[in-house]
Amino acid sequence: MFEQLDLFASTYSEPYTVSQLSAHISRLIDRDAALRDLWLEGEVSNFVQASSGHCYFTLKDGGAQIRCLMWSSDARRHRYLPTDGDQVLGHGRVGVYEVRGVYQLYVDQIRPAGVGDLYRQFERLKARLEEEGLFAPERKRPLPRFPRRIGVVTSPGAAALRDIVNVLRRRFPLATVLLSPTLVQGDAAPRQIVDALEILNQKDDLDVILVARGGGSLEELWAFNDERVARAVAESRIPVICGVGHETDFTLADFAADRRAPTPSAAAELAVPDEAELRAQVEAWRRDLGGALRAVIDQRRWRLKDRVRALRHLSPRNRMAQTRQRIDDLIGRAEKAVHHEIRIRGERLDGLQGRLRGLSPEGTLKRGFAVVRQDRDGTVVRSVDQVSPGDTLRVRVADGEFPVETS
């Protein structure tokens, strides 16, 4: 909240300090909109640029003078800095240096006063076109990342063209350049610049257009402040990069373009990527991709090994080997069982054979018995009724036979 200071009050409790008074005056000046944005014309005197880069000087006319200060950040943006005796046009705001209690002009732009009328024309036209929306950010289009064909609007004999070609050849030799020649200063230049832009916009194979010229005075760059040129740049079907003058030079074509570059060389650098950087990026991607692929391959290899081990465990071959071994075991067990059974049965057979031998006729004969047969037909004699006197019999004993005759 602004606090009103009444220095002429009849009664007050405490006197004001000098600092309070300076601060009050500073607030009064800061509240005045007319003093925050103004152009001032005068003669320069006592110009000094300190080691810090700040510029201190005085602007004066026949009846008064004012101290001026330009900060180093503003001074670095100017190719022109005045000397004592120069008649200049300075833009800035009025403020109070409270420590010394003096008001001064804080200058952010300074031009020779001889071109003051041109600057006023420039500001009026810029304000009108800006209000119309010609410089609106939403009108700006993105630049192609890898342009193959680049149109250039400039003078064929200008150093700007050589700079552009050299930069493009060094940074991105794949791109080709189509020159649409034009004058870049003088009364005939605006019409030719517009025609050159229209010719390039009729091409179907252009990716971007560079509008360029080297540095110069405001009068020399004035063709690019022509309303026709600004509208042609804004209405271009193809994205436009404007590189006119030096870093501190601004034209209406700069504001209307899709991108503004401080110099023609910088415009060429904005138009194309750097081949060396692309190669480095591709190499970095190659390394990253190689590392990622190796990691994936290693992961898949370990996964494959795990699955191979699992398959080997579940493999029919393994199961067949297990089954074959089990069959061998069963065969061995069967053979042992058969052999055991054969032995047992052999022993039983031996026992039975012994019993049979004991019950066989041979065994009986060995125990003293004999077998008697009829000699005539070999019939075993089982009864006395089968024998008559005079029959010839054969008696078989354990160790042989002998004949007998009945009586």
Protein backbone atom coordinates (compact mmCIF):
# COMPACT_ATOMS: atom_id res chain seq x y z
CA MET A 1 0.00 0.00 0.00
CA PHE A 2 1.37 3.42 -1.02
CA GLU A 3 1.69 5.73 1.96
CA GLN A 4 1.07 9.40 1.20
CA LEU A 5 3.78 11.66 2.58
CA ASP A 6 2.69 15.19 3.46
CA LEU A 7 5.83 17.28 3.89
CA PHE A 8 3.92 20.43 4.60
CA ALA A 9 1.78 19.18 7.47
CA SER A 10 1.56 21.80 10.17
CA THR A 11 2.03 19.28 12.92
CA TYR A 12 3.90 15.97 12.99
CA SER A 13 5.43 13.81 15.66
CA GLU A 14 8.82 13.05 14.04
CA PRO A 15 10.82 14.67 11.19
CA TYR A 16 11.37 12.62 8.01
CA THR A 17 14.81 11.30 7.20
CA VAL A 18 16.61 11.98 3.94
CA SER A 19 16.28 8.30 3.04
CA GLN A 20 12.52 8.46 3.56
CA LEU A 21 12.28 11.49 1.31
CA SER A 22 14.38 9.86 -1.44
CA ALA A 23 12.35 6.68 -1.20
CA HIS A 24 9.11 8.67 -1.44
CA ILE A 25 10.30 10.54 -4.54
CA SER A 26 11.43 7.23 -6.07
CA ARG A 27 7.96 5.75 -5.49
CA LEU A 28 6.30 8.78 -7.06
CA ILE A 29 8.43 8.45 -10.20
CA ASP A 30 7.92 4.68 -10.41
CA ARG A 31 4.15 5.19 -10.30
CA ASP A 32 4.24 7.42 -13.39
CA ALA A 33 3.71 5.16 -16.44
CA ALA A 34 5.05 7.82 -18.82
CA LEU A 35 8.43 7.73 -17.06
CA ARG A 36 8.74 3.93 -17.25
CA ASP A 37 8.87 3.73 -21.07
CA LEU A 38 10.17 6.73 -23.00
CA TRP A 39 12.57 7.84 -25.71
CA LEU A 40 14.87 10.77 -24.97
CA GLU A 41 16.97 12.72 -27.47
CA GLY A 42 20.07 14.67 -26.48
CA GLU A 43 23.82 15.17 -26.78
CA VAL A 44 26.17 12.77 -25.01
CA SER A 45 28.79 14.07 -22.61
CA ASN A 46 31.07 12.53 -19.98
CA PHE A 47 30.67 9.06 -21.44
CA VAL A 48 32.52 6.42 -19.36
CA GLN A 49 32.36 2.63 -19.57
CA ALA A 50 33.49 1.10 -16.30
CA SER A 51 35.51 -2.11 -16.00
CA SER A 52 32.25 -3.81 -15.01
CA GLY A 53 30.84 -2.96 -18.45
CA HIS A 54 28.27 -0.47 -17.13
CA CYS A 55 28.10 2.83 -19.07
CA TYR A 56 27.70 6.21 -17.36
CA PHE A 57 27.03 9.40 -19.30
CA THR A 58 24.94 12.56 -19.46
CA LEU A 59 22.31 13.57 -22.01
CA LYS A 60 21.83 17.30 -22.45
CA ASP A 61 20.28 19.93 -24.64
CA GLY A 62 20.46 23.72 -24.55
CA GLY A 63 18.44 24.04 -21.34
CA ALA A 64 18.94 20.95 -19.16
CA GLN A 65 20.79 17.68 -18.64
CA ILE A 66 20.11 14.27 -17.07
CA ARG A 67 22.43 11.54 -15.85
CA CYS A 68 22.15 8.21 -17.63
CA LEU A 69 23.14 4.64 -16.83
CA MET A 70 23.25 1.61 -19.16
CA TRP A 71 23.84 -1.75 -17.50
CA SER A 72 26.53 -4.02 -18.99
CA SER A 73 23.92 -6.61 -20.04
CA ASP A 74 22.26 -3.97 -22.25
CA ALA A 75 25.56 -2.52 -23.45
CA ARG A 76 26.75 -5.94 -24.71
CA ARG A 77 23.76 -6.14 -27.04
CA HIS A 78 24.74 -2.93 -28.85
CA ARG A 79 27.23 -2.67 -31.67
CA TYR A 80 26.99 1.10 -31.34
CA LEU A 81 27.99 2.88 -28.14
CA PRO A 82 28.16 6.70 -28.25
CA THR A 83 31.07 9.02 -27.61
CA ASP A 84 31.06 12.56 -26.24
CA GLY A 85 29.33 14.95 -28.60
CA ASP A 86 27.12 12.33 -30.30
CA GLN A 87 23.49 13.24 -30.75
CA VAL A 88 21.57 10.12 -29.71
CA LEU A 89 18.13 8.73 -29.12
CA GLY A 90 17.95 6.70 -25.89
CA HIS A 91 15.15 4.49 -24.61
CA GLY A 92 14.59 3.55 -20.99
CA ARG A 93 12.94 4.49 -17.73
CA VAL A 94 13.47 7.28 -15.23
CA GLY A 95 14.41 6.25 -11.72
CA VAL A 96 15.98 7.66 -8.56
CA TYR A 97 19.42 6.78 -7.25
CA GLU A 98 18.37 7.13 -3.65
CA VAL A 99 21.88 7.12 -2.17
CA ARG A 100 22.71 10.45 -3.85
CA GLY A 101 19.16 11.71 -4.19
CA VAL A 102 19.36 12.21 -7.97
CA TYR A 103 17.06 11.03 -10.72
CA GLN A 104 18.54 9.46 -13.84
CA LEU A 105 17.61 7.64 -17.03
CA TYR A 106 18.23 3.88 -17.06
CA VAL A 107 18.93 3.31 -20.77
CA ASP A 108 18.30 -0.10 -22.39
CA GLN A 109 18.49 0.99 -26.06
CA ILE A 110 20.52 3.73 -27.72
CA ARG A 111 20.69 4.83 -31.36
CA PRO A 112 22.18 7.74 -33.27
CA ALA A 113 19.60 10.53 -33.27
CA GLY A 114 19.81 10.90 -37.05
CA VAL A 115 17.72 7.76 -37.47
CA GLY A 116 15.17 8.67 -34.87
CA ASP A 117 12.37 9.07 -37.43
CA LEU A 118 13.05 5.58 -38.80
CA TYR A 119 12.86 4.09 -35.32
CA ARG A 120 9.58 5.80 -34.68
CA GLN A 121 8.24 4.42 -37.97
CA PHE A 122 9.54 1.00 -37.01
CA GLU A 123 7.85 1.09 -33.59
CA ARG A 124 4.52 2.29 -35.01
CA LEU A 125 4.45 -0.39 -37.72
CA LYS A 126 5.62 -3.08 -35.30
CA ALA A 127 2.85 -2.16 -32.84
CA ARG A 128 0.19 -2.27 -35.58
CA LEU A 129 1.31 -5.63 -36.98
CA GLU A 130 1.68 -7.05 -33.50
CA GLU A 131 -1.86 -5.96 -32.62
CA GLU A 132 -3.03 -7.61 -35.82
CA GLY A 133 -1.52 -10.88 -34.60
CA LEU A 134 1.13 -11.18 -37.29
CA PHE A 135 3.83 -11.95 -34.72
CA ALA A 136 1.71 -14.23 -32.50
CA PRO A 137 3.60 -17.27 -31.12
CA GLU A 138 0.81 -19.62 -32.19
CA ARG A 139 1.56 -18.74 -35.83
CA LYS A 140 5.11 -20.06 -35.53
CA ARG A 141 5.68 -23.45 -37.12
CA PRO A 142 8.24 -26.05 -36.10
CA LEU A 143 11.31 -26.39 -38.28
CA PRO A 144 12.03 -29.66 -40.08
CA ARG A 145 14.66 -31.66 -38.27
CA PHE A 146 16.43 -33.05 -41.33
CA PRO A 147 15.82 -30.70 -44.29
CA ARG A 148 16.93 -32.05 -47.65
CA ARG A 149 16.40 -28.90 -49.74
CA ILE A 150 16.82 -25.35 -48.41
CA GLY A 151 15.75 -22.14 -50.10
CA VAL A 152 17.80 -18.98 -49.55
CA VAL A 153 16.60 -15.43 -50.15
CA THR A 154 19.58 -13.07 -50.30
CA SER A 155 21.91 -11.26 -52.66
CA PRO A 156 23.95 -13.67 -54.83
CA GLY A 157 27.12 -11.66 -54.28
CA ALA A 158 26.72 -11.16 -50.53
CA ALA A 159 29.04 -12.57 -47.91
CA ALA A 160 25.90 -13.83 -46.18
CA LEU A 161 25.37 -16.42 -48.93
CA ARG A 162 28.95 -17.68 -48.66
CA ASP A 163 28.61 -17.94 -44.89
CA ILE A 164 25.36 -19.89 -45.23
CA VAL A 165 26.79 -22.30 -47.82
CA ASN A 166 29.93 -22.87 -45.73
CA VAL A 167 27.92 -23.61 -42.59
CA LEU A 168 25.57 -25.98 -44.43
CA ARG A 169 28.47 -27.79 -46.11
CA ARG A 170 30.23 -28.20 -42.76
CA ARG A 171 27.24 -29.17 -40.65
CA PHE A 172 24.95 -31.10 -42.99
CA PRO A 173 26.34 -31.74 -46.48
CA LEU A 174 23.30 -33.86 -47.40
CA ALA A 175 21.20 -30.71 -47.80
CA THR A 176 21.07 -28.86 -51.12
CA VAL A 177 20.58 -25.10 -51.51
CA LEU A 178 18.28 -23.29 -53.93
CA LEU A 179 19.05 -19.56 -54.19
CA SER A 180 16.28 -17.12 -54.98
CA PRO A 181 18.34 -13.95 -55.65
CA THR A 182 17.22 -10.49 -54.61
CA LEU A 183 18.47 -7.08 -53.64
CA VAL A 184 18.77 -6.72 -49.87
CA GLN A 185 18.78 -2.92 -49.58
CA GLY A 186 17.43 0.06 -51.44
CA ASP A 187 13.98 1.08 -52.63
CA ALA A 188 13.61 -1.87 -55.02
CA ALA A 189 14.63 -4.46 -52.42
CA PRO A 190 11.26 -5.02 -50.65
CA ARG A 191 9.42 -5.94 -53.85
CA GLN A 192 12.22 -8.27 -54.94
CA ILE A 193 12.35 -9.96 -51.52
CA VAL A 194 8.61 -10.60 -51.69
CA ASP A 195 8.93 -12.00 -55.25
CA ALA A 196 11.84 -14.22 -54.19
CA LEU A 197 9.75 -15.66 -51.36
CA GLU A 198 6.78 -16.26 -53.67
CA ILE A 199 9.00 -18.12 -56.17
CA LEU A 200 10.32 -20.43 -53.46
CA ASN A 201 6.81 -21.06 -52.11
CA GLN A 202 5.84 -22.45 -55.51
CA LYS A 203 8.36 -25.29 -55.05
CA ASP A 204 7.07 -28.58 -53.72
CA ASP A 205 10.42 -29.99 -52.60
CA LEU A 206 11.61 -27.23 -50.25
CA ASP A 207 11.72 -27.89 -46.51
CA VAL A 208 12.74 -24.49 -45.12
CA ILE A 209 13.60 -20.96 -46.32
CA LEU A 210 16.40 -18.72 -45.04
CA VAL A 211 15.96 -14.95 -45.43
CA ALA A 212 19.35 -13.40 -44.80
CA ARG A 213 21.72 -10.49 -45.16
CA GLY A 214 24.75 -9.25 -43.27
CA GLY A 215 24.90 -6.41 -40.80
CA GLY A 216 24.50 -2.76 -41.57
CA SER A 217 22.98 0.49 -40.44
CA LEU A 218 19.29 0.88 -39.84
CA GLU A 219 18.88 2.46 -43.28
CA GLU A 220 20.69 -0.48 -44.92
CA LEU A 221 18.47 -3.00 -43.17
CA TRP A 222 15.29 -1.02 -43.74
CA ALA A 223 14.04 -3.24 -46.59
CA PHE A 224 13.38 -5.96 -44.00
CA ASN A 225 11.20 -3.54 -42.02
CA ASP A 226 8.89 -3.09 -45.00
CA GLU A 227 5.32 -4.19 -44.28
CA ARG A 228 5.14 -6.17 -47.55
CA VAL A 229 8.21 -8.17 -46.59
CA ALA A 230 6.92 -8.84 -43.07
CA ARG A 231 3.59 -10.10 -44.44
CA ALA A 232 5.26 -12.26 -47.09
CA VAL A 233 7.44 -13.89 -44.43
CA ALA A 234 4.45 -14.51 -42.15
CA GLU A 235 2.30 -15.91 -44.99
CA SER A 236 4.99 -18.23 -46.38
CA ARG A 237 3.76 -21.80 -46.84
CA ILE A 238 7.24 -23.02 -46.00
CA PRO A 239 8.78 -22.34 -42.56
CA VAL A 240 11.08 -19.29 -42.59
CA ILE A 241 14.24 -18.56 -40.60
CA CYS A 242 15.25 -14.90 -40.68
CA GLY A 243 18.91 -14.05 -40.14
CA VAL A 244 19.31 -10.34 -40.90
CA GLY A 245 22.09 -8.16 -39.54
CA HIS A 246 23.94 -8.83 -36.33
CA GLU A 247 22.84 -9.98 -32.89
CA THR A 248 21.56 -6.56 -31.80
CA ASP A 249 19.65 -5.88 -35.04
CA PHE A 250 15.93 -6.62 -35.03
CA THR A 251 13.67 -6.20 -38.06
CA LEU A 252 9.98 -6.79 -38.66
CA ALA A 253 10.92 -9.78 -40.77
CA ASP A 254 12.57 -11.28 -37.66
CA PHE A 255 9.33 -10.96 -35.70
CA ALA A 256 7.24 -12.40 -38.57
CA ALA A 257 9.52 -15.39 -39.21
CA ASP A 258 9.05 -18.78 -37.60
CA ARG A 259 12.52 -18.48 -36.09
CA ARG A 260 14.86 -15.52 -35.71
CA ALA A 261 18.64 -15.95 -35.92
CA PRO A 262 21.15 -13.26 -34.90
CA THR A 263 23.25 -13.68 -38.08
CA PRO A 264 23.05 -15.47 -41.47
CA SER A 265 25.49 -18.10 -40.23
CA ALA A 266 23.34 -18.68 -37.16
CA ALA A 267 20.30 -19.04 -39.44
CA ALA A 268 22.08 -21.82 -41.32
CA GLU A 269 22.98 -23.49 -38.03
CA LEU A 270 19.34 -23.37 -36.94
CA ALA A 271 18.18 -24.84 -40.24
CA VAL A 272 20.19 -28.07 -40.13
CA PRO A 273 21.56 -30.46 -37.52
CA ASP A 274 25.29 -30.89 -37.01
CA GLU A 275 26.54 -34.00 -38.80
CA ALA A 276 29.26 -34.51 -36.19
CA GLU A 277 26.70 -34.36 -33.40
CA LEU A 278 24.43 -36.74 -35.30
CA ARG A 279 27.29 -39.18 -35.78
CA ALA A 280 28.13 -38.93 -32.08
CA GLN A 281 24.47 -39.45 -31.21
CA VAL A 282 24.18 -42.43 -33.54
CA GLU A 283 27.36 -43.89 -32.05
CA ALA A 284 25.97 -43.37 -28.55
CA TRP A 285 22.72 -45.04 -29.61
CA ARG A 286 24.75 -47.87 -31.19
CA ARG A 287 26.62 -48.40 -27.93
CA ASP A 288 23.42 -48.21 -25.90
CA LEU A 289 21.64 -50.57 -28.30
CA GLY A 290 24.59 -52.95 -28.29
CA GLY A 291 24.64 -52.97 -24.51
CA ALA A 292 20.89 -53.46 -24.35
CA LEU A 293 21.06 -56.29 -26.90
CA ARG A 294 23.90 -57.95 -25.03
CA ALA A 295 21.92 -57.70 -21.80
CA VAL A 296 18.85 -59.18 -23.49
CA ILE A 297 20.94 -61.94 -25.10
CA ASP A 298 22.61 -62.76 -21.77
CA GLN A 299 19.24 -62.85 -20.06
CA ARG A 300 17.76 -65.06 -22.80
CA ARG A 301 20.87 -67.28 -22.73
CA TRP A 302 20.52 -67.88 -18.99
CA ARG A 303 16.80 -68.45 -19.42
CA LEU A 304 17.53 -70.89 -22.25
CA LYS A 305 20.05 -72.74 -20.09
CA ASP A 306 17.47 -73.02 -17.34
CA ARG A 307 14.93 -74.38 -19.78
CA VAL A 308 17.48 -76.78 -21.28
CA ARG A 309 18.20 -78.09 -17.80
CA ALA A 310 14.48 -78.41 -17.17
CA LEU A 311 13.97 -80.17 -20.50
CA ARG A 312 16.83 -82.51 -19.79
CA HIS A 313 15.22 -83.36 -16.50
CA LEU A 314 11.88 -83.96 -18.24
CA SER A 315 13.37 -85.41 -21.41
CA PRO A 316 12.00 -88.83 -22.65
CA ARG A 317 15.61 -89.84 -23.19
CA ASN A 318 16.28 -89.34 -19.51
CA ARG A 319 13.10 -91.16 -18.63
CA MET A 320 14.04 -93.94 -21.10
CA ALA A 321 17.45 -94.22 -19.46
CA GLN A 322 15.75 -94.44 -16.10
CA THR A 323 13.32 -97.03 -17.47
CA ARG A 324 16.14 -98.98 -19.12
CA GLN A 325 18.04 -99.07 -15.87
CA ARG A 326 14.89 -100.14 -14.06
CA ILE A 327 14.37 -102.89 -16.67
CA ASP A 328 17.96 -104.01 -16.15
CA ASP A 329 17.30 -104.11 -12.44
CA LEU A 330 14.08 -106.05 -12.97
CA ILE A 331 15.82 -108.46 -15.36
CA GLY A 332 18.59 -109.01 -12.83
CA ARG A 333 16.04 -109.57 -10.10
CA ALA A 334 14.06 -111.90 -12.41
CA GLU A 335 17.17 -113.84 -13.29
CA LYS A 336 18.03 -114.23 -9.64
CA ALA A 337 14.48 -115.30 -8.90
CA VAL A 338 14.50 -117.82 -11.78
CA HIS A 339 17.86 -119.17 -10.74
CA HIS A 340 16.64 -119.48 -7.20
CA GLU A 341 13.49 -121.20 -8.34
CA ILE A 342 15.47 -123.52 -10.63
CA ARG A 343 17.78 -124.42 -7.78
CA ILE A 344 14.88 -125.11 -5.47
CA ARG A 345 13.10 -127.12 -8.08
CA GLY A 346 16.33 -128.93 -8.94
CA GLU A 347 16.70 -129.86 -5.34
CA ARG A 348 13.08 -131.00 -5.25
CA LEU A 349 13.66 -132.91 -8.46
CA ASP A 350 16.71 -134.54 -6.97
CA GLY A 351 14.62 -135.54 -3.97
CA LEU A 352 11.87 -136.88 -6.16
CA GLN A 353 14.41 -138.67 -8.31
CA GLY A 354 15.84 -140.26 -5.20
CA ARG A 355 12.40 -141.32 -4.11
CA LEU A 356 11.68 -142.59 -7.62
CA ARG A 357 14.91 -144.48 -7.67
CA GLY A 358 13.99 -145.99 -4.37
CA LEU A 359 10.63 -147.05 -5.81
CA SER A 360 11.94 -148.09 -9.27
CA PRO A 361 12.37 -151.81 -10.26
CA GLU A 362 16.12 -151.32 -10.28
CA GLY A 363 15.95 -150.16 -6.72
CA THR A 364 13.77 -153.05 -5.81
CA LEU A 365 16.15 -155.44 -7.51
CA LYS A 366 19.04 -154.01 -5.56
CA ARG A 367 17.20 -154.74 -2.38
CA GLY A 368 17.25 -158.48 -3.32
CA PHE A 369 14.09 -158.76 -5.35
CA ALA A 370 14.00 -160.23 -8.89
CA VAL A 371 11.76 -159.91 -11.90
CA VAL A 372 10.61 -163.13 -13.60
CA ARG A 373 9.46 -163.12 -17.17
CA GLN A 374 8.27 -165.78 -19.58
CA ASP A 375 11.11 -166.46 -21.93
CA ARG A 376 8.83 -166.98 -24.84
CA ASP A 377 7.09 -163.58 -24.79
CA GLY A 378 8.72 -161.59 -21.95
CA THR A 379 5.51 -161.53 -19.90
CA VAL A 380 6.13 -160.73 -16.26
CA VAL A 381 5.14 -163.61 -14.07
CA ARG A 382 2.95 -162.31 -11.30
CA SER A 383 1.26 -165.55 -10.34
CA VAL A 384 2.17 -169.23 -10.09
CA ASP A 385 -0.73 -169.95 -12.33
CA GLN A 386 1.21 -168.41 -15.15
CA VAL A 387 3.96 -171.04 -14.94
CA SER A 388 3.79 -174.62 -15.99
CA PRO A 389 6.38 -177.34 -15.47
CA GLY A 390 8.98 -177.22 -18.15
CA ASP A 391 8.53 -173.49 -18.88
CA THR A 392 11.70 -171.56 -19.49
CA LEU A 393 11.80 -168.34 -17.50
CA ARG A 394 14.23 -165.45 -17.34
CA VAL A 395 15.08 -164.04 -13.99
CA ARG A 396 16.38 -160.50 -13.70
CA VAL A 397 18.31 -159.52 -10.67
CA ALA A 398 20.19 -156.36 -9.81
CA ASP A 399 23.30 -157.13 -11.80
CA GLY A 400 21.84 -159.09 -14.72
CA GLU A 401 19.59 -161.90 -16.00
CA PHE A 402 19.79 -165.65 -16.09
CA PRO A 403 17.44 -168.39 -17.44
CA VAL A 404 15.72 -170.95 -15.30
CA GLU A 405 13.60 -173.94 -16.16
CA THR A 406 10.60 -175.02 -14.05
CA SER A 407 10.07 -178.65 -13.06
